[in-house]
Amino acid sequence: MRDLEVIRQIEAVMGEEDELYQRAADGHGLDERERQRLRALQAHLDQCWDLLRQRRARREFGGDPEQARVRPVDVVEHYSG
């Protein structure tokens, strides 16, 4: 997956996330299915950003960005550095 593809995926996920946040802000609230979807979107977004950072770091240090891989949610959500 190329950087532009990752960026497009980030934009799409953020768009859906924004729609859910807007729904909640408009006073409609979110039902359980929507709350679960929001959590899934947030986790997927963490993975996308992590993948993009990996690709950029590999490129910066002479590595192959195509070797970057999507890491499990439990890794990227607790990543501190």
Protein backbone atom coordinates (compact mmCIF):
# COMPACT_ATOMS: atom_id res chain seq x y z
CA MET A 1 0.00 0.00 0.00
CA ARG A 2 1.49 3.32 -1.02
CA ASP A 3 1.51 6.45 1.13
CA LEU A 4 -1.24 8.10 -0.92
CA GLU A 5 -3.47 5.06 -0.45
CA VAL A 6 -2.89 5.15 3.31
CA ILE A 7 -3.64 8.88 3.37
CA ARG A 8 -6.86 8.35 1.42
CA GLN A 9 -7.88 5.63 3.84
CA ILE A 10 -7.13 7.95 6.78
CA GLU A 11 -9.29 10.66 5.19
CA ALA A 12 -12.17 8.25 4.62
CA VAL A 13 -12.03 6.92 8.18
CA MET A 14 -11.82 10.44 9.59
CA GLY A 15 -14.85 11.43 7.51
CA GLU A 16 -16.95 8.63 8.94
CA GLU A 17 -15.62 9.35 12.43
CA ASP A 18 -16.57 13.03 12.03
CA GLU A 19 -20.10 12.05 10.98
CA LEU A 20 -20.52 10.01 14.15
CA TYR A 21 -19.10 12.77 16.33
CA GLN A 22 -21.42 15.29 14.65
CA ARG A 23 -24.41 13.02 15.26
CA ALA A 24 -23.48 12.80 18.94
CA ALA A 25 -22.92 16.58 19.15
CA ASP A 26 -26.29 17.30 17.56
CA GLY A 27 -27.95 15.75 20.56
CA HIS A 28 -29.00 12.54 18.87
CA GLY A 29 -26.51 10.48 20.85
CA LEU A 30 -25.08 7.24 19.59
CA ASP A 31 -26.57 3.83 20.01
CA GLU A 32 -24.40 0.87 21.01
CA ARG A 33 -23.76 -0.15 17.39
CA GLU A 34 -22.58 3.37 16.55
CA ARG A 35 -20.36 3.51 19.65
CA GLN A 36 -18.78 0.20 18.64
CA ARG A 37 -18.29 1.50 15.11
CA LEU A 38 -16.62 4.64 16.48
CA ARG A 39 -14.22 2.54 18.56
CA ALA A 40 -13.43 0.39 15.51
CA LEU A 41 -12.80 3.49 13.40
CA GLN A 42 -10.49 4.94 16.04
CA ALA A 43 -8.52 1.69 16.21
CA HIS A 44 -8.27 1.50 12.43
CA LEU A 45 -7.14 5.12 12.31
CA ASP A 46 -4.38 4.34 14.82
CA GLN A 47 -3.24 1.50 12.56
CA CYS A 48 -3.26 3.68 9.46
CA TRP A 49 -1.23 6.45 11.11
CA ASP A 50 1.21 3.88 12.43
CA LEU A 51 1.61 2.35 8.97
CA LEU A 52 2.23 5.75 7.43
CA ARG A 53 4.85 6.56 10.10
CA GLN A 54 6.55 3.21 9.47
CA ARG A 55 6.66 3.83 5.72
CA ARG A 56 8.09 7.31 6.14
CA ALA A 57 10.69 6.16 8.67
CA ARG A 58 11.82 3.30 6.44
CA ARG A 59 12.16 5.66 3.49
CA GLU A 60 14.02 8.27 5.57
CA PHE A 61 16.56 5.73 6.79
CA GLY A 62 17.14 4.01 3.46
CA GLY A 63 14.74 1.14 3.96
CA ASP A 64 11.99 -0.15 1.75
CA PRO A 65 8.63 1.40 2.67
CA GLU A 66 6.89 -1.60 1.10
CA GLN A 67 8.20 -3.69 4.00
CA ALA A 68 6.04 -1.74 6.48
CA ARG A 69 3.15 -3.79 7.83
CA VAL A 70 -0.10 -3.06 9.61
CA ARG A 71 0.44 -3.86 13.27
CA PRO A 72 -2.22 -5.26 15.59
CA VAL A 73 -4.54 -2.80 17.31
CA ASP A 74 -3.24 -3.71 20.77
CA VAL A 75 0.27 -2.71 19.65
CA VAL A 76 -0.54 0.64 18.06
CA GLU A 77 -3.03 1.77 20.69
CA HIS A 78 -0.44 1.37 23.42
CA TYR A 79 2.51 2.65 21.44
CA SER A 80 4.30 5.39 23.33
CA GLY A 81 7.11 6.36 21.04
